[in-house]
């Protein structure tokens, strides 16, 4: 499902934006008023939301995990039926 992948990428992009917002406020010296902590808290929250969303997506069957090796599934070679 394409919408699941798009939503996950948008949430990850929002986490990266929050990370750079925290970096910006830290470099400019605005960390005394709590902007850095607030931005990094948003980043942690968004990252946790992405993780939980992906777990829910796998549980609901919207996305399927795959093996690192393209010719194996769960460590067993995939039969392609061409033989």
Protein backbone atom coordinates (compact mmCIF):
# COMPACT_ATOMS: atom_id res chain seq x y z
CA UNK A 1 0.00 0.00 0.00
CA UNK A 2 1.49 3.23 -1.16
CA UNK A 3 -0.19 5.44 1.44
CA UNK A 4 1.54 3.57 4.28
CA UNK A 5 4.97 4.16 2.75
CA UNK A 6 4.20 7.83 2.04
CA UNK A 7 2.95 8.40 5.59
CA UNK A 8 6.04 6.69 7.07
CA UNK A 9 8.33 8.83 4.90
CA UNK A 10 6.48 12.02 5.87
CA UNK A 11 6.80 11.17 9.57
CA UNK A 12 10.51 10.46 9.12
CA UNK A 13 10.96 13.74 7.26
CA UNK A 14 9.18 15.58 10.09
CA UNK A 15 11.56 13.93 12.59
CA UNK A 16 14.55 15.11 10.55
CA UNK A 17 13.13 18.65 10.39
CA UNK A 18 12.68 18.62 14.19
CA UNK A 19 16.25 17.38 14.59
CA UNK A 20 17.66 20.22 12.50
CA UNK A 21 15.40 22.70 14.29
CA UNK A 22 16.95 21.60 17.57
CA UNK A 23 20.41 21.89 16.07
CA UNK A 24 19.63 25.39 14.81
CA UNK A 25 18.40 26.59 18.18
CA UNK A 26 21.39 25.02 19.91
CA UNK A 27 23.89 26.66 17.55
CA UNK A 28 22.21 30.08 17.90
CA UNK A 29 22.32 29.82 21.69
CA UNK A 30 18.57 29.69 22.22
CA UNK A 31 18.72 26.54 24.31
CA UNK A 32 18.19 28.48 27.55
CA UNK A 33 14.50 29.06 26.78
CA UNK A 34 13.87 25.36 26.08
CA UNK A 35 13.58 25.47 22.29
CA UNK A 36 16.27 22.81 21.84
CA UNK A 37 14.69 20.43 24.32
CA UNK A 38 11.25 20.95 22.80
CA UNK A 39 12.52 20.29 19.26
CA UNK A 40 14.39 17.15 20.32
CA UNK A 41 11.36 15.92 22.25
CA UNK A 42 9.31 16.29 19.06
CA UNK A 43 11.95 14.31 17.19
CA UNK A 44 11.89 11.48 19.69
CA UNK A 45 8.09 11.46 19.68
CA UNK A 46 7.90 11.38 15.88
CA UNK A 47 10.49 8.61 15.68
CA UNK A 48 8.52 6.57 18.21
CA UNK A 49 5.35 7.21 16.21
CA UNK A 50 7.05 5.95 13.02
CA UNK A 51 8.20 2.80 14.82
CA UNK A 52 4.75 2.08 16.26
CA UNK A 53 3.08 2.84 12.92
CA UNK A 54 5.35 0.37 11.12
CA UNK A 55 4.67 -2.31 13.74
CA UNK A 56 0.91 -1.70 13.37
CA UNK A 57 1.24 -1.79 9.57
CA UNK A 58 2.97 -5.16 9.69
CA UNK A 59 0.37 -6.50 12.12
CA UNK A 60 -2.51 -5.31 9.91
CA UNK A 61 -0.87 -6.70 6.77
CA UNK A 62 -0.44 -3.34 5.04
CA UNK A 63 3.32 -3.92 4.60
CA UNK A 64 5.29 -7.16 4.60
CA UNK A 65 8.80 -7.51 5.99
CA UNK A 66 11.31 -9.10 3.65
CA UNK A 67 14.65 -10.80 3.99
CA UNK A 68 17.89 -9.02 3.18
CA UNK A 69 18.73 -11.59 0.52
CA UNK A 70 16.43 -11.26 -2.49
CA UNK A 71 16.62 -14.96 -3.37
CA UNK A 72 15.74 -16.24 0.11
CA UNK A 73 12.66 -15.96 2.30
CA UNK A 74 13.20 -16.63 6.01
CA UNK A 75 16.55 -18.23 5.16
CA UNK A 76 15.04 -20.72 2.68
CA UNK A 77 15.81 -20.39 -1.06
CA UNK A 78 12.82 -19.21 -3.11
CA UNK A 79 11.70 -21.54 -5.86
CA UNK A 80 11.12 -19.49 -9.01
CA UNK A 81 9.50 -22.29 -11.00
CA UNK A 82 11.64 -21.81 -14.12
CA UNK A 83 13.40 -25.16 -13.83
